[in-house]
PDB file of N, CA and C in Angstrom:
ATOM      1  N   MET A   1      -4.824  -4.674  -7.536  1.00  0.00           N
ATOM      2  CA  MET A   1      -5.045  -3.595  -6.923  1.00  0.00           C
ATOM      3  C   MET A   1      -4.527  -2.492  -7.844  1.00  0.00           C
ATOM      4  N   THR A   2      -5.290  -1.413  -7.916  1.00  0.00           N
ATOM      5  CA  THR A   2      -4.894  -0.073  -8.780  1.00  0.00           C
ATOM      6  C   THR A   2      -4.248   0.816  -7.697  1.00  0.00           C
ATOM      7  N   LEU A   3      -3.144   1.438  -8.095  1.00  0.00           N
ATOM      8  CA  LEU A   3      -2.814   2.437  -7.425  1.00  0.00           C
ATOM      9  C   LEU A   3      -2.824   3.902  -8.046  1.00  0.00           C
ATOM     10  N   LYS A   4      -3.104   4.932  -7.249  1.00  0.00           N
ATOM     11  CA  LYS A   4      -3.159   6.316  -7.605  1.00  0.00           C
ATOM     12  C   LYS A   4      -1.821   7.000  -7.283  1.00  0.00           C
ATOM     13  N   ALA A   5      -1.782   8.027  -7.771  1.00  0.00           N
ATOM     14  CA  ALA A   5      -0.651   8.895  -7.416  1.00  0.00           C
ATOM     15  C   ALA A   5      -0.888   9.504  -6.071  1.00  0.00           C
ATOM     16  N   SER A   6       0.232   9.909  -5.305  1.00  0.00           N
ATOM     17  CA  SER A   6      -0.022  10.555  -4.223  1.00  0.00           C
ATOM     18  C   SER A   6      -0.837  11.797  -4.179  1.00  0.00           C
ATOM     19  N   GLY A   7      -1.451  12.073  -3.303  1.00  0.00           N
ATOM     20  CA  GLY A   7      -2.354  13.365  -3.076  1.00  0.00           C
ATOM     21  C   GLY A   7      -1.730  14.690  -3.576  1.00  0.00           C
ATOM     22  N   ALA A   8      -2.516  15.400  -4.128  1.00  0.00           N
ATOM     23  CA  ALA A   8      -1.931  16.798  -4.751  1.00  0.00           C
ATOM     24  C   ALA A   8      -1.320  17.691  -3.764  1.00  0.00           C
ATOM     25  N   ASP A   9      -1.871  17.642  -2.500  1.00  0.00           N
ATOM     26  CA  ASP A   9      -1.381  18.466  -1.633  1.00  0.00           C
ATOM     27  C   ASP A   9      -0.029  18.208  -0.826  1.00  0.00           C
ATOM     28  N   GLY A  10       0.698  17.088  -1.435  1.00  0.00           N
ATOM     29  CA  GLY A  10       1.740  16.600  -0.921  1.00  0.00           C
ATOM     30  C   GLY A  10       1.797  15.416   0.040  1.00  0.00           C
ATOM     31  N   LYS A  11       0.513  15.297   0.625  1.00  0.00           N
ATOM     32  CA  LYS A  11       0.514  14.225   1.678  1.00  0.00           C
ATOM     33  C   LYS A  11       0.075  12.762   1.048  1.00  0.00           C
ATOM     34  N   LEU A  12       0.538  11.738   1.564  1.00  0.00           N
ATOM     35  CA  LEU A  12       0.304  10.458   1.041  1.00  0.00           C
ATOM     36  C   LEU A  12      -1.144  10.100   0.946  1.00  0.00           C
ATOM     37  N   GLU A  13      -1.461   9.684  -0.155  1.00  0.00           N
ATOM     38  CA  GLU A  13      -2.990   9.133  -0.365  1.00  0.00           C
ATOM     39  C   GLU A  13      -2.760   7.445  -0.173  1.00  0.00           C
ATOM     40  N   TRP A  14      -3.396   7.133   1.064  1.00  0.00           N
ATOM     41  CA  TRP A  14      -3.312   5.677   1.242  1.00  0.00           C
ATOM     42  C   TRP A  14      -4.517   4.905   0.558  1.00  0.00           C
ATOM     43  N   ILE A  15      -4.290   3.945   0.068  1.00  0.00           N
ATOM     44  CA  ILE A  15      -5.319   3.166  -0.710  1.00  0.00           C
ATOM     45  C   ILE A  15      -5.411   1.667  -0.038  1.00  0.00           C
ATOM     46  N   LYS A  16      -6.678   1.376   0.189  1.00  0.00           N
ATOM     47  CA  LYS A  16      -6.889  -0.007   1.123  1.00  0.00           C
ATOM     48  C   LYS A  16      -6.877  -1.044  -0.235  1.00  0.00           C
ATOM     49  N   SER A  17      -6.405  -2.090   0.022  1.00  0.00           N
ATOM     50  CA  SER A  17      -6.418  -3.252  -0.829  1.00  0.00           C
ATOM     51  C   SER A  17      -8.089  -3.456  -1.430  1.00  0.00           C
ATOM     52  N   SER A  18      -8.089  -3.781  -2.725  1.00  0.00           N
ATOM     53  CA  SER A  18      -9.361  -3.952  -3.322  1.00  0.00           C
ATOM     54  C   SER A  18      -9.949  -5.271  -2.746  1.00  0.00           C
ATOM     55  N   TYR A  19      -9.077  -6.200  -2.132  1.00  0.00           N
ATOM     56  CA  TYR A  19      -9.411  -7.361  -1.599  1.00  0.00           C
ATOM     57  C   TYR A  19      -9.964  -7.258  -0.256  1.00  0.00           C
ATOM     58  N   SER A  20      -9.637  -6.218   0.417  1.00  0.00           N
ATOM     59  CA  SER A  20     -10.254  -5.933   1.822  1.00  0.00           C
ATOM     60  C   SER A  20     -11.693  -5.654   1.935  1.00  0.00           C
ATOM     61  N   THR A  21     -12.245  -6.155   2.866  1.00  0.00           N
ATOM     62  CA  THR A  21     -13.676  -5.698   3.344  1.00  0.00           C
ATOM     63  C   THR A  21     -13.658  -4.791   4.372  1.00  0.00           C
ATOM     64  N   ALA A  22     -14.828  -4.009   4.585  1.00  0.00           N
ATOM     65  CA  ALA A  22     -14.985  -2.983   5.455  1.00  0.00           C
ATOM     66  C   ALA A  22     -14.604  -3.498   6.847  1.00  0.00           C
ATOM     67  N   ASP A  23     -15.085  -4.840   7.055  1.00  0.00           N
ATOM     68  CA  ASP A  23     -15.124  -5.388   8.557  1.00  0.00           C
ATOM     69  C   ASP A  23     -13.794  -6.323   8.552  1.00  0.00           C
ATOM     70  N   GLY A  24     -13.049  -6.411   7.585  1.00  0.00           N
ATOM     71  CA  GLY A  24     -11.994  -7.360   7.644  1.00  0.00           C
ATOM     72  C   GLY A  24     -10.780  -6.935   8.510  1.00  0.00           C
ATOM     73  N   PRO A  25     -10.392  -7.783   9.310  1.00  0.00           N
ATOM     74  CA  PRO A  25      -9.132  -7.661  10.190  1.00  0.00           C
ATOM     75  C   PRO A  25      -7.954  -7.655   9.723  1.00  0.00           C
ATOM     76  N   ASP A  26      -7.687  -8.120   8.384  1.00  0.00           N
ATOM     77  CA  ASP A  26      -6.391  -8.088   7.745  1.00  0.00           C
ATOM     78  C   ASP A  26      -6.297  -7.537   6.654  1.00  0.00           C
ATOM     79  N   CYS A  27      -6.064  -6.034   6.837  1.00  0.00           N
ATOM     80  CA  CYS A  27      -6.041  -5.175   5.700  1.00  0.00           C
ATOM     81  C   CYS A  27      -4.705  -4.485   5.579  1.00  0.00           C
ATOM     82  N   VAL A  28      -4.114  -4.241   4.213  1.00  0.00           N
ATOM     83  CA  VAL A  28      -3.088  -3.456   4.145  1.00  0.00           C
ATOM     84  C   VAL A  28      -3.443  -2.125   3.316  1.00  0.00           C
ATOM     85  N   GLU A  29      -2.624  -1.074   3.381  1.00  0.00           N
ATOM     86  CA  GLU A  29      -2.854   0.016   2.661  1.00  0.00           C
ATOM     87  C   GLU A  29      -1.631   0.343   2.002  1.00  0.00           C
ATOM     88  N   VAL A  30      -1.642   0.922   0.824  1.00  0.00           N
ATOM     89  CA  VAL A  30      -0.552   1.390  -0.087  1.00  0.00           C
ATOM     90  C   VAL A  30      -0.485   2.692  -0.497  1.00  0.00           C
ATOM     91  N   ALA A  31       0.625   3.485  -0.491  1.00  0.00           N
ATOM     92  CA  ALA A  31       0.664   4.722  -0.982  1.00  0.00           C
ATOM     93  C   ALA A  31       1.943   4.807  -1.799  1.00  0.00           C
ATOM     94  N   THR A  32       1.753   5.761  -2.728  1.00  0.00           N
ATOM     95  CA  THR A  32       2.983   5.919  -3.738  1.00  0.00           C
ATOM     96  C   THR A  32       3.629   7.252  -3.263  1.00  0.00           C
ATOM     97  N   ALA A  33       5.048   7.306  -3.322  1.00  0.00           N
ATOM     98  CA  ALA A  33       5.757   8.366  -3.210  1.00  0.00           C
ATOM     99  C   ALA A  33       6.654   8.570  -4.451  1.00  0.00           C
ATOM    100  N   PRO A  34       7.311   9.707  -4.594  1.00  0.00           N
ATOM    101  CA  PRO A  34       8.074  10.005  -5.844  1.00  0.00           C
ATOM    102  C   PRO A  34       8.896   8.647  -6.234  1.00  0.00           C
ATOM    103  N   ALA A  35       9.759   8.199  -5.136  1.00  0.00           N
ATOM    104  CA  ALA A  35      10.638   6.952  -5.638  1.00  0.00           C
ATOM    105  C   ALA A  35      10.423   5.673  -4.586  1.00  0.00           C
ATOM    106  N   HIS A  36       9.094   5.716  -4.130  1.00  0.00           N
ATOM    107  CA  HIS A  36       8.940   4.618  -3.208  1.00  0.00           C
ATOM    108  C   HIS A  36       7.538   4.249  -3.341  1.00  0.00           C
ATOM    109  N   ILE A  37       7.393   2.920  -2.809  1.00  0.00           N
ATOM    110  CA  ILE A  37       5.864   2.441  -2.476  1.00  0.00           C
ATOM    111  C   ILE A  37       5.916   2.164  -0.989  1.00  0.00           C
ATOM    112  N   LEU A  38       4.944   2.552  -0.264  1.00  0.00           N
ATOM    113  CA  LEU A  38       4.771   2.496   1.232  1.00  0.00           C
ATOM    114  C   LEU A  38       3.629   1.535   1.417  1.00  0.00           C
ATOM    115  N   VAL A  39       3.840   0.671   2.357  1.00  0.00           N
ATOM    116  CA  VAL A  39       2.926  -0.324   2.706  1.00  0.00           C
ATOM    117  C   VAL A  39       2.614  -0.323   4.264  1.00  0.00           C
ATOM    118  N   ARG A  40       1.462  -0.234   4.760  1.00  0.00           N
ATOM    119  CA  ARG A  40       1.170  -0.354   6.130  1.00  0.00           C
ATOM    120  C   ARG A  40      -0.015  -1.072   6.678  1.00  0.00           C
ATOM    121  N   ASP A  41      -0.119  -1.378   7.859  1.00  0.00           N
ATOM    122  CA  ASP A  41      -1.344  -2.193   8.307  1.00  0.00           C
ATOM    123  C   ASP A  41      -2.446  -1.068   8.613  1.00  0.00           C
ATOM    124  N   SER A  42      -3.836  -1.370   8.190  1.00  0.00           N
ATOM    125  CA  SER A  42      -4.763  -0.415   8.221  1.00  0.00           C
ATOM    126  C   SER A  42      -5.247  -0.146   9.801  1.00  0.00           C
ATOM    127  N   LYS A  43      -4.978  -1.309  10.386  1.00  0.00           N
ATOM    128  CA  LYS A  43      -5.255  -1.139  12.017  1.00  0.00           C
ATOM    129  C   LYS A  43      -4.524  -0.306  12.705  1.00  0.00           C
ATOM    130  N   ALA A  44      -3.117  -0.044  12.164  1.00  0.00           N
ATOM    131  CA  ALA A  44      -2.298   0.662  12.976  1.00  0.00           C
ATOM    132  C   ALA A  44      -1.410   1.823  11.762  1.00  0.00           C
ATOM    133  N   PRO A  45      -2.235   2.845  11.410  1.00  0.00           N
ATOM    134  CA  PRO A  45      -1.881   3.678  10.642  1.00  0.00           C
ATOM    135  C   PRO A  45      -0.544   4.530  10.862  1.00  0.00           C
ATOM    136  N   GLY A  46      -0.415   4.747  12.153  1.00  0.00           N
ATOM    137  CA  GLY A  46       0.848   5.263  12.767  1.00  0.00           C
ATOM    138  C   GLY A  46       1.899   4.407  13.173  1.00  0.00           C
ATOM    139  N   GLY A  47       1.726   3.170  12.768  1.00  0.00           N
ATOM    140  CA  GLY A  47       2.749   2.167  13.104  1.00  0.00           C
ATOM    141  C   GLY A  47       3.781   2.038  12.071  1.00  0.00           C
ATOM    142  N   PRO A  48       4.619   0.979  12.124  1.00  0.00           N
ATOM    143  CA  PRO A  48       5.575   0.790  11.147  1.00  0.00           C
ATOM    144  C   PRO A  48       5.134   0.617   9.650  1.00  0.00           C
ATOM    145  N   ARG A  49       6.052   1.197   8.691  1.00  0.00           N
ATOM    146  CA  ARG A  49       5.606   1.018   7.397  1.00  0.00           C
ATOM    147  C   ARG A  49       6.865   0.258   6.528  1.00  0.00           C
ATOM    148  N   LEU A  50       6.449  -0.488   5.564  1.00  0.00           N
ATOM    149  CA  LEU A  50       7.506  -0.991   4.721  1.00  0.00           C
ATOM    150  C   LEU A  50       7.540   0.099   3.541  1.00  0.00           C
ATOM    151  N   ILE A  51       8.884   0.286   3.293  1.00  0.00           N
ATOM    152  CA  ILE A  51       9.247   1.111   2.265  1.00  0.00           C
ATOM    153  C   ILE A  51       9.939   0.439   1.120  1.00  0.00           C
ATOM    154  N   LEU A  52       9.401   0.332  -0.101  1.00  0.00           N
ATOM    155  CA  LEU A  52       9.837  -0.417  -1.060  1.00  0.00           C
ATOM    156  C   LEU A  52      10.184   0.445  -2.308  1.00  0.00           C
ATOM    157  N   THR A  53      11.161  -0.005  -3.038  1.00  0.00           N
ATOM    158  CA  THR A  53      11.434   0.627  -4.417  1.00  0.00           C
ATOM    159  C   THR A  53      10.420  -0.066  -5.388  1.00  0.00           C
ATOM    160  N   PRO A  54      10.329   0.755  -6.639  1.00  0.00           N
ATOM    161  CA  PRO A  54       9.377   0.308  -7.400  1.00  0.00           C
ATOM    162  C   PRO A  54       9.692  -1.075  -8.076  1.00  0.00           C
ATOM    163  N   THR A  55      10.991  -1.281  -8.176  1.00  0.00           N
ATOM    164  CA  THR A  55      11.400  -2.736  -8.569  1.00  0.00           C
ATOM    165  C   THR A  55      11.067  -3.759  -7.683  1.00  0.00           C
ATOM    166  N   THR A  56      11.296  -3.549  -6.369  1.00  0.00           N
ATOM    167  CA  THR A  56      10.981  -4.547  -5.322  1.00  0.00           C
ATOM    168  C   THR A  56       9.390  -4.699  -5.231  1.00  0.00           C
ATOM    169  N   TRP A  57       8.792  -3.693  -5.423  1.00  0.00           N
ATOM    170  CA  TRP A  57       7.410  -3.802  -5.331  1.00  0.00           C
ATOM    171  C   TRP A  57       6.760  -4.742  -6.537  1.00  0.00           C
ATOM    172  N   ALA A  58       7.348  -4.433  -7.745  1.00  0.00           N
ATOM    173  CA  ALA A  58       6.887  -5.178  -8.728  1.00  0.00           C
ATOM    174  C   ALA A  58       7.226  -6.578  -8.634  1.00  0.00           C
ATOM    175  N   ALA A  59       8.426  -6.973  -8.135  1.00  0.00           N
ATOM    176  CA  ALA A  59       8.801  -8.363  -7.798  1.00  0.00           C
ATOM    177  C   ALA A  59       7.930  -8.998  -6.665  1.00  0.00           C
ATOM    178  N   PHE A  60       7.390  -8.107  -5.830  1.00  0.00           N
ATOM    179  CA  PHE A  60       6.691  -8.804  -5.011  1.00  0.00           C
ATOM    180  C   PHE A  60       5.034  -8.988  -5.357  1.00  0.00           C
ATOM    181  N   LEU A  61       4.598  -8.355  -6.162  1.00  0.00           N
ATOM    182  CA  LEU A  61       3.185  -8.478  -6.663  1.00  0.00           C
ATOM    183  C   LEU A  61       2.797  -9.729  -7.193  1.00  0.00           C
ATOM    184  N   PRO A  62       3.502 -10.395  -8.098  1.00  0.00           N
ATOM    185  CA  PRO A  62       3.207 -11.914  -8.427  1.00  0.00           C
ATOM    186  C   PRO A  62       3.119 -12.865  -7.420  1.00  0.00           C
ATOM    187  N   TYR A  63       3.928 -12.649  -6.285  1.00  0.00           N
ATOM    188  CA  TYR A  63       3.779 -13.490  -5.080  1.00  0.00           C
ATOM    189  C   TYR A  63       2.594 -13.035  -4.497  1.00  0.00           C
ATOM    190  N   ALA A  64       2.362 -12.078  -4.119  1.00  0.00           N
ATOM    191  CA  ALA A  64       0.960 -11.445  -3.538  1.00  0.00           C
ATOM    192  C   ALA A  64      -0.156 -11.976  -4.064  1.00  0.00           C
ATOM    193  N   VAL A  65      -0.310 -11.922  -5.366  1.00  0.00           N
ATOM    194  CA  VAL A  65      -1.478 -12.381  -6.197  1.00  0.00           C
ATOM    195  C   VAL A  65      -1.873 -13.713  -5.946  1.00  0.00           C
ATOM    196  N   GLU A  66      -0.712 -14.589  -5.841  1.00  0.00           N
ATOM    197  CA  GLU A  66      -0.880 -15.820  -5.615  1.00  0.00           C
ATOM    198  C   GLU A  66      -1.573 -16.452  -4.500  1.00  0.00           C
ATOM    199  N   ARG A  67      -1.393 -15.584  -3.415  1.00  0.00           N
ATOM    200  CA  ARG A  67      -1.883 -15.870  -2.061  1.00  0.00           C
ATOM    201  C   ARG A  67      -3.362 -15.666  -1.917  1.00  0.00           C
TER     202      ARG A  67
END
């Protein structure tokens, strides 16, 4: 998955996983903030979010790629 910087207007730019399909029920979205990576469920955009440090995100990615 490739991440882009947050939107220029200061709002978060949520990017859906490149492994997700338009009709898939299990999609995650990711956004970058100055000091954090945010992860949410695409079915519940107003719901809870994971807030990760870049170090934690980097440690998580190899695990996620294996799945």
